[in-house]
Amino acid sequence: SSLCFQVEIEKLDYHHYLPLFFDGLCEMAFPYEFFARQGIHDMLEHGGNKILPVIPQLIIPIKNALNLRNRQVICVTLKVLQHLVVSADMVGEALVPYYRQILPILNIFKNMNGEFSRDAGCLPSLLYQLISGHKVASDPPTQPYLFKFKFLNSGDGIDYSQQKRENIGDLIQETLEAFERYGGEDAFINIKYMVPTYESCLLN
């Protein structure tokens, strides 16, 4: 059942409520993260042509959520992005100018995922912060940090795949493919610019 109780979702002020729910993507505690996620999906499901004009207001909340570098938050945000691009006509195209803000953090995780193991990119964020000294840094981890990831992942015998329910690398790939499919003719070249390892899902 929808979160908005007695109010018909279509009648909500999308410019007010949708960014508010997107701000909630940074929440990790129950029930706040649940309300944020459910509220977003309900509003995207019923928003129609009200969604497109709100896109510019969603970029900073999306960027803030991804920059937390928390596995749970990133996974939820990626699923929201996948829903967002299919939620209404032209939304995918409208996101293309914002790739520079959204995609850098995905590039970091995608590369960590591919270069080391399927799970290296899914290290718990606290551990990541301890190793790297980055809290909410905007620059990619440098080589020594990546080396430590590799060492930790192979040396301490912990199988991180046991702890994760989802693979961030796979979700990133799915999200980039959705961006390409729904982003129009400029999507691929712009994704490729920000995520050089991305291969088109549409071009042969």
N, C-alpha and C. Protein backbone atom coordinates (compact mmCIF):
# COMPACT_ATOMS: atom_id res chain seq x y z
N SER A 1 0.85 -1.20 0.00
CA SER A 1 0.00 0.00 0.00
C SER A 1 0.88 1.24 0.00
N SER A 2 0.35 2.30 -0.55
CA SER A 2 1.14 3.51 -0.68
C SER A 2 1.32 4.20 0.65
N LEU A 3 2.43 4.94 0.72
CA LEU A 3 2.78 5.62 1.97
C LEU A 3 1.95 6.85 2.23
N CYS A 4 1.38 7.39 1.15
CA CYS A 4 0.82 8.73 1.30
C CYS A 4 -0.59 8.69 1.87
N PHE A 5 -0.99 7.51 2.34
CA PHE A 5 -2.21 7.31 3.09
C PHE A 5 -3.43 7.88 2.38
N GLN A 6 -4.06 8.90 2.98
CA GLN A 6 -5.32 9.39 2.42
C GLN A 6 -5.12 10.31 1.22
N VAL A 7 -3.90 10.81 1.06
CA VAL A 7 -3.67 11.77 -0.03
C VAL A 7 -3.43 11.01 -1.32
N GLU A 8 -4.05 11.42 -2.40
CA GLU A 8 -3.75 10.82 -3.69
C GLU A 8 -2.38 11.31 -4.14
N ILE A 9 -1.52 10.35 -4.45
CA ILE A 9 -0.12 10.70 -4.74
C ILE A 9 -0.01 11.71 -5.87
N GLU A 10 -0.82 11.53 -6.92
CA GLU A 10 -0.73 12.43 -8.07
C GLU A 10 -0.95 13.89 -7.67
N LYS A 11 -1.69 14.11 -6.57
CA LYS A 11 -2.02 15.48 -6.18
C LYS A 11 -0.95 16.14 -5.31
N LEU A 12 0.05 15.38 -4.91
CA LEU A 12 1.12 15.96 -4.10
C LEU A 12 1.93 16.96 -4.91
N ASP A 13 2.52 17.93 -4.22
CA ASP A 13 3.42 18.88 -4.86
C ASP A 13 4.76 18.20 -5.08
N TYR A 14 5.00 17.80 -6.32
CA TYR A 14 6.22 17.04 -6.63
C TYR A 14 7.50 17.85 -6.40
N HIS A 15 7.43 19.15 -6.63
CA HIS A 15 8.62 19.99 -6.42
C HIS A 15 9.01 20.03 -4.94
N HIS A 16 8.05 19.81 -4.08
CA HIS A 16 8.34 19.81 -2.64
C HIS A 16 8.70 18.41 -2.14
N TYR A 17 7.84 17.44 -2.43
CA TYR A 17 7.97 16.14 -1.78
C TYR A 17 9.00 15.21 -2.42
N LEU A 18 9.13 15.24 -3.75
CA LEU A 18 10.07 14.29 -4.36
C LEU A 18 11.52 14.57 -3.94
N PRO A 19 11.99 15.82 -3.96
CA PRO A 19 13.35 16.08 -3.47
C PRO A 19 13.51 15.72 -1.98
N LEU A 20 12.44 15.92 -1.23
CA LEU A 20 12.47 15.59 0.20
C LEU A 20 12.72 14.09 0.40
N PHE A 21 12.00 13.27 -0.36
CA PHE A 21 12.20 11.82 -0.27
C PHE A 21 13.60 11.44 -0.77
N PHE A 22 14.07 12.11 -1.82
CA PHE A 22 15.42 11.82 -2.32
C PHE A 22 16.48 12.19 -1.28
N ASP A 23 16.24 13.26 -0.53
CA ASP A 23 17.15 13.59 0.58
C ASP A 23 17.26 12.43 1.56
N GLY A 24 16.16 11.70 1.70
CA GLY A 24 16.12 10.57 2.62
C GLY A 24 16.94 9.37 2.19
N LEU A 25 17.47 9.39 0.97
CA LEU A 25 18.32 8.29 0.52
C LEU A 25 19.57 8.14 1.38
N CYS A 26 19.97 9.24 2.03
CA CYS A 26 21.16 9.20 2.89
C CYS A 26 20.88 8.50 4.22
N GLU A 27 19.61 8.28 4.52
CA GLU A 27 19.25 7.64 5.80
C GLU A 27 19.59 6.15 5.77
N MET A 28 20.14 5.65 6.87
CA MET A 28 20.44 4.22 6.94
C MET A 28 19.61 3.52 8.01
N ALA A 29 18.98 4.30 8.88
CA ALA A 29 18.24 3.70 10.00
C ALA A 29 16.80 3.40 9.60
N PHE A 30 16.32 2.25 10.03
CA PHE A 30 14.90 1.92 9.86
C PHE A 30 14.13 2.75 10.88
N PRO A 31 12.95 3.29 10.57
CA PRO A 31 12.20 3.13 9.32
C PRO A 31 12.46 4.23 8.31
N TYR A 32 13.40 5.15 8.59
CA TYR A 32 13.54 6.33 7.73
C TYR A 32 13.94 5.94 6.31
N GLU A 33 14.90 5.01 6.20
CA GLU A 33 15.33 4.63 4.86
C GLU A 33 14.19 3.94 4.11
N PHE A 34 13.37 3.19 4.84
CA PHE A 34 12.23 2.52 4.22
C PHE A 34 11.22 3.55 3.70
N PHE A 35 10.91 4.55 4.53
CA PHE A 35 9.96 5.59 4.11
C PHE A 35 10.47 6.34 2.88
N ALA A 36 11.76 6.67 2.89
CA ALA A 36 12.33 7.39 1.76
C ALA A 36 12.21 6.58 0.48
N ARG A 37 12.62 5.31 0.58
CA ARG A 37 12.63 4.44 -0.60
C ARG A 37 11.21 4.22 -1.11
N GLN A 38 10.30 3.92 -0.19
CA GLN A 38 8.91 3.65 -0.58
C GLN A 38 8.25 4.91 -1.14
N GLY A 39 8.52 6.04 -0.50
CA GLY A 39 7.96 7.30 -0.97
C GLY A 39 8.42 7.64 -2.38
N ILE A 40 9.70 7.43 -2.64
CA ILE A 40 10.24 7.69 -3.99
C ILE A 40 9.55 6.79 -5.01
N HIS A 41 9.51 5.50 -4.72
CA HIS A 41 8.94 4.57 -5.70
C HIS A 41 7.45 4.85 -5.94
N ASP A 42 6.73 5.18 -4.89
CA ASP A 42 5.30 5.52 -5.05
C ASP A 42 5.14 6.76 -5.93
N MET A 43 5.96 7.77 -5.66
CA MET A 43 5.82 9.02 -6.42
C MET A 43 6.26 8.85 -7.87
N LEU A 44 7.30 8.05 -8.09
CA LEU A 44 7.74 7.80 -9.47
C LEU A 44 6.70 6.98 -10.22
N GLU A 45 6.06 6.07 -9.51
CA GLU A 45 5.05 5.21 -10.13
C GLU A 45 3.86 6.02 -10.63
N HIS A 46 3.50 7.06 -9.89
CA HIS A 46 2.27 7.80 -10.18
C HIS A 46 2.51 9.22 -10.69
N GLY A 47 3.78 9.57 -10.93
CA GLY A 47 4.09 10.98 -11.19
C GLY A 47 3.84 11.46 -12.60
N GLY A 48 4.01 10.56 -13.58
CA GLY A 48 3.81 10.98 -14.97
C GLY A 48 4.62 12.22 -15.33
N ASN A 49 3.92 13.19 -15.94
CA ASN A 49 4.64 14.38 -16.43
C ASN A 49 5.06 15.35 -15.34
N LYS A 50 4.78 15.01 -14.07
CA LYS A 50 5.23 15.89 -12.97
C LYS A 50 6.69 15.63 -12.61
N ILE A 51 7.25 14.51 -13.08
CA ILE A 51 8.60 14.13 -12.66
C ILE A 51 9.67 14.94 -13.37
N LEU A 52 9.53 15.08 -14.69
CA LEU A 52 10.58 15.73 -15.48
C LEU A 52 11.00 17.11 -14.97
N PRO A 53 10.05 18.01 -14.63
CA PRO A 53 10.47 19.34 -14.17
C PRO A 53 11.24 19.34 -12.85
N VAL A 54 11.16 18.24 -12.11
CA VAL A 54 11.80 18.20 -10.78
C VAL A 54 13.23 17.66 -10.86
N ILE A 55 13.63 17.11 -12.01
CA ILE A 55 14.94 16.46 -12.14
C ILE A 55 16.10 17.31 -11.59
N PRO A 56 16.18 18.62 -11.94
CA PRO A 56 17.33 19.40 -11.43
C PRO A 56 17.41 19.43 -9.90
N GLN A 57 16.28 19.31 -9.23
CA GLN A 57 16.26 19.35 -7.76
C GLN A 57 16.69 18.01 -7.14
N LEU A 58 16.76 16.97 -7.96
CA LEU A 58 17.09 15.65 -7.43
C LEU A 58 18.59 15.35 -7.48
N ILE A 59 19.33 16.14 -8.25
CA ILE A 59 20.73 15.79 -8.51
C ILE A 59 21.59 15.86 -7.25
N ILE A 60 21.45 16.93 -6.48
CA ILE A 60 22.28 17.05 -5.27
C ILE A 60 21.96 15.94 -4.25
N PRO A 61 20.68 15.64 -4.00
CA PRO A 61 20.41 14.50 -3.10
C PRO A 61 20.98 13.17 -3.61
N ILE A 62 20.93 12.95 -4.95
CA ILE A 62 21.50 11.72 -5.51
C ILE A 62 23.01 11.70 -5.28
N LYS A 63 23.64 12.83 -5.57
CA LYS A 63 25.10 12.94 -5.42
C LYS A 63 25.50 12.75 -3.95
N ASN A 64 24.75 13.36 -3.05
CA ASN A 64 25.05 13.22 -1.62
C ASN A 64 24.95 11.77 -1.16
N ALA A 65 23.92 11.07 -1.64
CA ALA A 65 23.74 9.67 -1.26
C ALA A 65 24.90 8.82 -1.76
N LEU A 66 25.28 8.98 -3.02
CA LEU A 66 26.37 8.19 -3.59
C LEU A 66 27.70 8.51 -2.91
N ASN A 67 27.90 9.77 -2.55
CA ASN A 67 29.17 10.17 -1.95
C ASN A 67 29.36 9.67 -0.52
N LEU A 68 28.29 9.14 0.08
CA LEU A 68 28.46 8.50 1.39
C LEU A 68 29.33 7.26 1.29
N ARG A 69 29.38 6.67 0.08
CA ARG A 69 30.16 5.45 -0.17
C ARG A 69 29.76 4.32 0.76
N ASN A 70 28.50 4.29 1.10
CA ASN A 70 27.98 3.19 1.92
C ASN A 70 27.30 2.19 0.99
N ARG A 71 27.66 0.91 1.12
CA ARG A 71 27.16 -0.10 0.19
C ARG A 71 25.64 -0.14 0.12
N GLN A 72 25.01 -0.13 1.30
CA GLN A 72 23.55 -0.19 1.36
C GLN A 72 22.93 1.02 0.66
N VAL A 73 23.46 2.21 0.96
CA VAL A 73 22.91 3.44 0.38
C VAL A 73 23.12 3.46 -1.13
N ILE A 74 24.30 3.04 -1.58
CA ILE A 74 24.57 3.03 -3.02
C ILE A 74 23.63 2.06 -3.73
N CYS A 75 23.44 0.87 -3.17
CA CYS A 75 22.54 -0.12 -3.81
C CYS A 75 21.12 0.43 -3.93
N VAL A 76 20.61 1.04 -2.86
CA VAL A 76 19.26 1.62 -2.90
C VAL A 76 19.19 2.74 -3.93
N THR A 77 20.21 3.60 -3.94
CA THR A 77 20.23 4.75 -4.86
C THR A 77 20.28 4.28 -6.31
N LEU A 78 21.05 3.24 -6.59
CA LEU A 78 21.13 2.71 -7.96
C LEU A 78 19.77 2.19 -8.42
N LYS A 79 19.06 1.51 -7.52
CA LYS A 79 17.73 1.01 -7.89
C LYS A 79 16.76 2.17 -8.13
N VAL A 80 16.88 3.21 -7.32
CA VAL A 80 16.06 4.40 -7.52
C VAL A 80 16.36 5.04 -8.87
N LEU A 81 17.65 5.13 -9.23
CA LEU A 81 18.03 5.71 -10.52
C LEU A 81 17.47 4.88 -11.68
N GLN A 82 17.48 3.56 -11.51
CA GLN A 82 16.92 2.70 -12.56
C GLN A 82 15.42 2.94 -12.72
N HIS A 83 14.74 3.15 -11.61
CA HIS A 83 13.30 3.45 -11.67
C HIS A 83 13.07 4.84 -12.26
N LEU A 84 13.93 5.78 -11.86
CA LEU A 84 13.78 7.17 -12.31
C LEU A 84 13.83 7.27 -13.84
N VAL A 85 14.80 6.60 -14.46
CA VAL A 85 14.95 6.79 -15.92
C VAL A 85 13.78 6.23 -16.72
N VAL A 86 13.06 5.26 -16.13
CA VAL A 86 11.91 4.71 -16.87
C VAL A 86 10.58 5.29 -16.39
N SER A 87 10.63 6.24 -15.45
CA SER A 87 9.41 6.71 -14.80
C SER A 87 8.54 7.59 -15.68
N ALA A 88 9.15 8.29 -16.65
CA ALA A 88 8.39 9.19 -17.51
C ALA A 88 9.21 9.51 -18.75
N ASP A 89 8.53 9.94 -19.80
CA ASP A 89 9.22 10.31 -21.03
C ASP A 89 10.23 11.43 -20.78
N MET A 90 11.36 11.32 -21.44
CA MET A 90 12.40 12.36 -21.45
C MET A 90 13.23 12.46 -20.17
N VAL A 91 12.88 11.68 -19.15
CA VAL A 91 13.65 11.75 -17.90
C VAL A 91 15.09 11.28 -18.13
N GLY A 92 15.22 10.18 -18.90
CA GLY A 92 16.57 9.67 -19.20
C GLY A 92 17.44 10.71 -19.87
N GLU A 93 16.86 11.42 -20.87
CA GLU A 93 17.60 12.46 -21.57
C GLU A 93 17.93 13.62 -20.64
N ALA A 94 17.00 13.94 -19.75
CA ALA A 94 17.20 15.07 -18.85
C ALA A 94 18.36 14.83 -17.88
N LEU A 95 18.68 13.56 -17.61
CA LEU A 95 19.76 13.24 -16.68
C LEU A 95 21.15 13.37 -17.31
N VAL A 96 21.23 13.31 -18.65
CA VAL A 96 22.53 13.30 -19.33
C VAL A 96 23.44 14.47 -18.92
N PRO A 97 22.93 15.70 -18.85
CA PRO A 97 23.82 16.81 -18.46
C PRO A 97 24.36 16.69 -17.04
N TYR A 98 23.77 15.81 -16.23
CA TYR A 98 24.19 15.68 -14.83
C TYR A 98 25.11 14.48 -14.59
N TYR A 99 25.46 13.76 -15.68
CA TYR A 99 26.35 12.60 -15.52
C TYR A 99 27.65 12.97 -14.81
N ARG A 100 28.16 14.18 -15.08
CA ARG A 100 29.43 14.60 -14.46
C ARG A 100 29.32 14.63 -12.94
N GLN A 101 28.12 14.84 -12.44
CA GLN A 101 27.94 14.88 -10.99
C GLN A 101 27.62 13.51 -10.40
N ILE A 102 26.94 12.68 -11.19
CA ILE A 102 26.45 11.39 -10.67
C ILE A 102 27.45 10.25 -10.88
N LEU A 103 28.15 10.25 -12.02
CA LEU A 103 28.90 9.06 -12.42
C LEU A 103 30.30 8.89 -11.82
N PRO A 104 30.99 9.94 -11.37
CA PRO A 104 32.36 9.70 -10.88
C PRO A 104 32.44 8.65 -9.77
N ILE A 105 31.55 8.69 -8.81
CA ILE A 105 31.61 7.73 -7.71
C ILE A 105 31.33 6.31 -8.22
N LEU A 106 30.44 6.19 -9.22
CA LEU A 106 30.16 4.88 -9.80
C LEU A 106 31.39 4.34 -10.51
N ASN A 107 32.13 5.22 -11.13
CA ASN A 107 33.36 4.82 -11.82
C ASN A 107 34.35 4.21 -10.84
N ILE A 108 34.48 4.82 -9.67
CA ILE A 108 35.40 4.31 -8.64
C ILE A 108 34.99 2.89 -8.23
N PHE A 109 33.72 2.73 -7.90
CA PHE A 109 33.26 1.42 -7.43
C PHE A 109 33.29 0.37 -8.54
N LYS A 110 32.95 0.79 -9.76
CA LYS A 110 32.95 -0.15 -10.88
C LYS A 110 34.37 -0.66 -11.12
N ASN A 111 35.34 0.24 -11.05
CA ASN A 111 36.72 -0.16 -11.30
C ASN A 111 37.26 -1.04 -10.18
N MET A 112 36.95 -0.70 -8.94
CA MET A 112 37.39 -1.54 -7.83
C MET A 112 36.80 -2.93 -8.00
N ASN A 113 35.55 -2.96 -8.40
CA ASN A 113 34.86 -4.23 -8.56
C ASN A 113 35.52 -5.10 -9.62
N GLY A 114 35.84 -4.47 -10.76
CA GLY A 114 36.38 -5.26 -11.86
C GLY A 114 37.83 -5.63 -11.65
N GLU A 115 38.59 -4.73 -11.02
CA GLU A 115 40.03 -4.90 -11.02
C GLU A 115 40.49 -5.93 -10.00
N PHE A 116 39.75 -6.09 -8.92
CA PHE A 116 40.24 -6.95 -7.84
C PHE A 116 39.42 -8.21 -7.70
N SER A 117 38.23 -8.07 -7.22
CA SER A 117 37.35 -9.23 -7.16
C SER A 117 35.95 -8.69 -7.23
N ARG A 118 35.00 -9.56 -7.37
CA ARG A 118 33.63 -9.11 -7.47
C ARG A 118 33.18 -8.42 -6.19
N ASP A 119 33.91 -8.62 -5.12
CA ASP A 119 33.44 -8.11 -3.84
C ASP A 119 34.27 -6.96 -3.28
N ALA A 120 35.39 -6.66 -3.93
CA ALA A 120 36.26 -5.63 -3.37
C ALA A 120 35.53 -4.29 -3.26
N GLY A 121 34.64 -4.04 -4.22
CA GLY A 121 33.91 -2.78 -4.21
C GLY A 121 32.80 -2.76 -3.18
N CYS A 122 32.57 -3.90 -2.54
CA CYS A 122 31.46 -3.98 -1.59
C CYS A 122 31.94 -4.03 -0.16
N LEU A 123 33.21 -3.68 0.07
CA LEU A 123 33.67 -3.62 1.45
C LEU A 123 32.78 -2.69 2.25
N PRO A 124 32.48 -3.04 3.48
CA PRO A 124 31.68 -2.13 4.30
C PRO A 124 32.32 -0.74 4.33
N SER A 125 31.48 0.29 4.27
CA SER A 125 32.01 1.64 4.10
C SER A 125 32.88 2.07 5.28
N LEU A 126 32.55 1.59 6.47
CA LEU A 126 33.36 1.99 7.63
C LEU A 126 34.78 1.47 7.46
N LEU A 127 34.89 0.22 7.02
CA LEU A 127 36.20 -0.37 6.78
C LEU A 127 36.92 0.42 5.69
N TYR A 128 36.16 0.77 4.65
CA TYR A 128 36.72 1.57 3.55
C TYR A 128 37.28 2.88 4.09
N GLN A 129 36.50 3.53 4.96
CA GLN A 129 36.95 4.82 5.49
C GLN A 129 38.19 4.66 6.35
N LEU A 130 38.24 3.56 7.15
CA LEU A 130 39.40 3.33 8.00
C LEU A 130 40.66 3.11 7.16
N ILE A 131 40.50 2.31 6.10
CA ILE A 131 41.66 2.00 5.26
C ILE A 131 42.12 3.22 4.50
N SER A 132 41.17 3.93 3.92
CA SER A 132 41.54 4.96 2.96
C SER A 132 41.77 6.32 3.59
N GLY A 133 41.19 6.53 4.79
CA GLY A 133 41.27 7.85 5.38
C GLY A 133 40.33 8.83 4.73
N HIS A 134 39.54 8.37 3.74
CA HIS A 134 38.56 9.22 3.08
C HIS A 134 37.25 9.11 3.83
N LYS A 135 36.60 10.22 4.06
CA LYS A 135 35.26 10.12 4.62
C LYS A 135 34.26 10.30 3.50
N VAL A 136 34.08 11.52 3.06
CA VAL A 136 33.23 11.71 1.89
C VAL A 136 34.09 12.44 0.88
N ALA A 137 35.13 11.77 0.44
CA ALA A 137 36.08 12.41 -0.47
C ALA A 137 35.56 12.33 -1.88
N SER A 138 36.00 13.28 -2.71
CA SER A 138 35.54 13.27 -4.09
C SER A 138 36.57 12.64 -5.01
N ASP A 139 37.79 12.42 -4.49
CA ASP A 139 38.81 11.87 -5.38
C ASP A 139 38.87 10.35 -5.23
N PRO A 140 39.27 9.66 -6.30
CA PRO A 140 39.33 8.20 -6.21
C PRO A 140 40.46 7.76 -5.29
N PRO A 141 40.32 6.60 -4.67
CA PRO A 141 41.40 6.09 -3.82
C PRO A 141 42.66 5.91 -4.65
N THR A 142 43.81 6.24 -4.07
CA THR A 142 45.05 6.10 -4.82
C THR A 142 45.55 4.66 -4.73
N GLN A 143 46.59 4.37 -5.49
CA GLN A 143 47.05 2.99 -5.62
C GLN A 143 47.35 2.29 -4.29
N PRO A 144 48.04 2.95 -3.33
CA PRO A 144 48.32 2.25 -2.07
C PRO A 144 47.05 1.77 -1.37
N TYR A 145 45.98 2.59 -1.42
CA TYR A 145 44.74 2.18 -0.77
C TYR A 145 44.17 0.96 -1.47
N LEU A 146 44.23 0.98 -2.80
CA LEU A 146 43.69 -0.15 -3.55
C LEU A 146 44.50 -1.40 -3.24
N PHE A 147 45.80 -1.23 -3.06
CA PHE A 147 46.63 -2.37 -2.70
C PHE A 147 46.17 -2.96 -1.37
N LYS A 148 45.86 -2.08 -0.42
CA LYS A 148 45.40 -2.57 0.89
C LYS A 148 44.08 -3.32 0.76
N PHE A 149 43.21 -2.82 -0.14
CA PHE A 149 41.96 -3.53 -0.38
C PHE A 149 42.25 -4.96 -0.82
N LYS A 150 43.19 -5.07 -1.75
CA LYS A 150 43.51 -6.36 -2.33
C LYS A 150 44.06 -7.27 -1.23
N PHE A 151 44.94 -6.70 -0.43
CA PHE A 151 45.57 -7.45 0.65
C PHE A 151 44.52 -7.93 1.65
N LEU A 152 43.67 -7.00 2.07
CA LEU A 152 42.64 -7.35 3.04
C LEU A 152 41.70 -8.42 2.50
N ASN A 153 41.35 -8.25 1.24
CA ASN A 153 40.35 -9.13 0.66
C ASN A 153 40.87 -10.55 0.55
N SER A 154 42.17 -10.70 0.28
CA SER A 154 42.70 -12.05 0.09
C SER A 154 43.37 -12.56 1.35
N GLY A 155 43.84 -11.63 2.19
CA GLY A 155 44.71 -12.05 3.28
C GLY A 155 44.01 -12.43 4.56
N ASP A 156 42.84 -11.88 4.80
CA ASP A 156 42.26 -12.13 6.12
C ASP A 156 41.20 -13.23 6.08
N GLY A 157 41.00 -13.80 4.91
CA GLY A 157 40.14 -14.98 4.83
C GLY A 157 38.66 -14.71 4.95
N ILE A 158 38.27 -13.43 5.05
CA ILE A 158 36.85 -13.13 5.15
C ILE A 158 36.26 -13.10 3.75
N ASP A 159 35.19 -13.82 3.55
CA ASP A 159 34.53 -13.79 2.24
C ASP A 159 33.44 -12.73 2.28
N TYR A 160 33.73 -11.57 1.70
CA TYR A 160 32.76 -10.48 1.77
C TYR A 160 31.48 -10.79 1.02
N SER A 161 31.57 -11.74 0.07
CA SER A 161 30.35 -12.08 -0.67
C SER A 161 29.32 -12.70 0.25
N GLN A 162 29.77 -13.27 1.36
CA GLN A 162 28.83 -13.82 2.34
C GLN A 162 28.02 -12.72 3.00
N GLN A 163 28.67 -11.55 3.16
CA GLN A 163 28.01 -10.47 3.90
C GLN A 163 27.10 -9.64 3.03
N LYS A 164 27.38 -9.60 1.73
CA LYS A 164 26.59 -8.72 0.88
C LYS A 164 25.43 -9.49 0.27
N ARG A 165 24.35 -8.79 0.07
CA ARG A 165 23.21 -9.43 -0.57
C ARG A 165 23.21 -9.11 -2.06
N GLU A 166 23.94 -8.08 -2.45
CA GLU A 166 23.91 -7.67 -3.83
C GLU A 166 25.30 -7.25 -4.25
N ASN A 167 25.54 -7.32 -5.54
CA ASN A 167 26.84 -6.96 -6.05
C ASN A 167 26.79 -5.56 -6.63
N ILE A 168 27.54 -4.66 -6.06
CA ILE A 168 27.50 -3.26 -6.51
C ILE A 168 27.89 -3.15 -7.98
N GLY A 169 28.89 -3.91 -8.38
CA GLY A 169 29.35 -3.85 -9.77
C GLY A 169 28.23 -4.19 -10.75
N ASP A 170 27.46 -5.23 -10.43
CA ASP A 170 26.35 -5.62 -11.30
C ASP A 170 25.29 -4.53 -11.35
N LEU A 171 24.98 -3.95 -10.18
CA LEU A 171 23.98 -2.88 -10.13
C LEU A 171 24.43 -1.64 -10.89
N ILE A 172 25.72 -1.32 -10.79
CA ILE A 172 26.25 -0.18 -11.54
C ILE A 172 26.11 -0.44 -13.03
N GLN A 173 26.48 -1.65 -13.45
CA GLN A 173 26.37 -2.00 -14.87
C GLN A 173 24.92 -1.86 -15.35
N GLU A 174 23.98 -2.40 -14.58
CA GLU A 174 22.55 -2.31 -14.94
C GLU A 174 22.10 -0.85 -15.04
N THR A 175 22.58 -0.04 -14.09
CA THR A 175 22.17 1.37 -14.05
C THR A 175 22.72 2.13 -15.26
N LEU A 176 23.99 1.89 -15.59
CA LEU A 176 24.58 2.55 -16.75
C LEU A 176 23.88 2.12 -18.04
N GLU A 177 23.51 0.84 -18.11
CA GLU A 177 22.79 0.36 -19.30
C GLU A 177 21.43 1.04 -19.41
N ALA A 178 20.75 1.21 -18.27
CA ALA A 178 19.45 1.92 -18.28
C ALA A 178 19.65 3.37 -18.72
N PHE A 179 20.73 4.02 -18.23
CA PHE A 179 21.03 5.38 -18.65
C PHE A 179 21.22 5.44 -20.16
N GLU A 180 21.97 4.45 -20.69
CA GLU A 180 22.22 4.46 -22.14
C GLU A 180 20.94 4.22 -22.93
N ARG A 181 20.14 3.25 -22.49
CA ARG A 181 18.90 2.92 -23.22
C ARG A 181 17.93 4.09 -23.29
N TYR A 182 17.82 4.81 -22.17
CA TYR A 182 16.79 5.86 -22.07
C TYR A 182 17.36 7.27 -22.20
N GLY A 183 18.67 7.39 -22.41
CA GLY A 183 19.30 8.71 -22.39
C GLY A 183 19.42 9.39 -23.74
N GLY A 184 18.93 8.72 -24.79
CA GLY A 184 19.01 9.35 -26.11
C GLY A 184 20.39 9.17 -26.73
N GLU A 185 20.60 9.84 -27.86
CA GLU A 185 21.80 9.59 -28.66
C GLU A 185 23.09 10.08 -28.03
N ASP A 186 22.99 11.02 -27.09
CA ASP A 186 24.21 11.54 -26.44
C ASP A 186 24.61 10.75 -25.19
N ALA A 187 23.78 9.79 -24.80
CA ALA A 187 24.02 9.12 -23.52
C ALA A 187 25.33 8.33 -23.53
N PHE A 188 25.53 7.50 -24.55
CA PHE A 188 26.70 6.60 -24.51
C PHE A 188 28.01 7.35 -24.42
N ILE A 189 28.19 8.34 -25.29
CA ILE A 189 29.47 9.06 -25.33
C ILE A 189 29.74 9.76 -23.99
N ASN A 190 28.68 10.22 -23.36
CA ASN A 190 28.82 10.90 -22.06
C ASN A 190 29.09 9.92 -20.92
N ILE A 191 28.47 8.74 -20.99
CA ILE A 191 28.79 7.70 -20.00
C ILE A 191 30.25 7.28 -20.16
N LYS A 192 30.64 7.04 -21.40
CA LYS A 192 32.00 6.56 -21.70
C LYS A 192 33.05 7.57 -21.23
N TYR A 193 32.73 8.84 -21.33
CA TYR A 193 33.65 9.88 -20.90
C TYR A 193 33.90 9.80 -19.40
N MET A 194 32.83 9.53 -18.64
CA MET A 194 32.94 9.48 -17.18
C MET A 194 33.34 8.10 -16.67
N VAL A 195 32.97 7.05 -17.39
CA VAL A 195 33.26 5.67 -16.98
C VAL A 195 33.93 4.97 -18.18
N PRO A 196 35.23 5.16 -18.35
CA PRO A 196 35.91 4.68 -19.56
C PRO A 196 35.79 3.17 -19.81
N THR A 197 35.58 2.39 -18.75
CA THR A 197 35.49 0.93 -18.93
C THR A 197 34.12 0.47 -19.40
N TYR A 198 33.16 1.40 -19.48
CA TYR A 198 31.81 1.01 -19.88
C TYR A 198 31.76 0.68 -21.37
N GLU A 199 31.16 -0.45 -21.69
CA GLU A 199 30.93 -0.83 -23.10
C GLU A 199 29.44 -0.72 -23.40
N SER A 200 29.13 -0.23 -24.58
CA SER A 200 27.73 -0.01 -24.93
C SER A 200 26.92 -1.30 -24.92
N CYS A 201 25.68 -1.19 -24.44
CA CYS A 201 24.77 -2.35 -24.49
C CYS A 201 23.91 -2.28 -25.75
N LEU A 202 24.05 -1.21 -26.53
CA LEU A 202 23.22 -1.02 -27.72
C LEU A 202 24.03 -1.14 -29.02
N LEU A 203 25.28 -0.70 -28.99
CA LEU A 203 26.13 -0.77 -30.18
C LEU A 203 26.77 -2.15 -30.28
N ASN A 204 26.93 -2.64 -31.49
CA ASN A 204 27.59 -3.94 -31.63
C ASN A 204 29.11 -3.76 -31.67
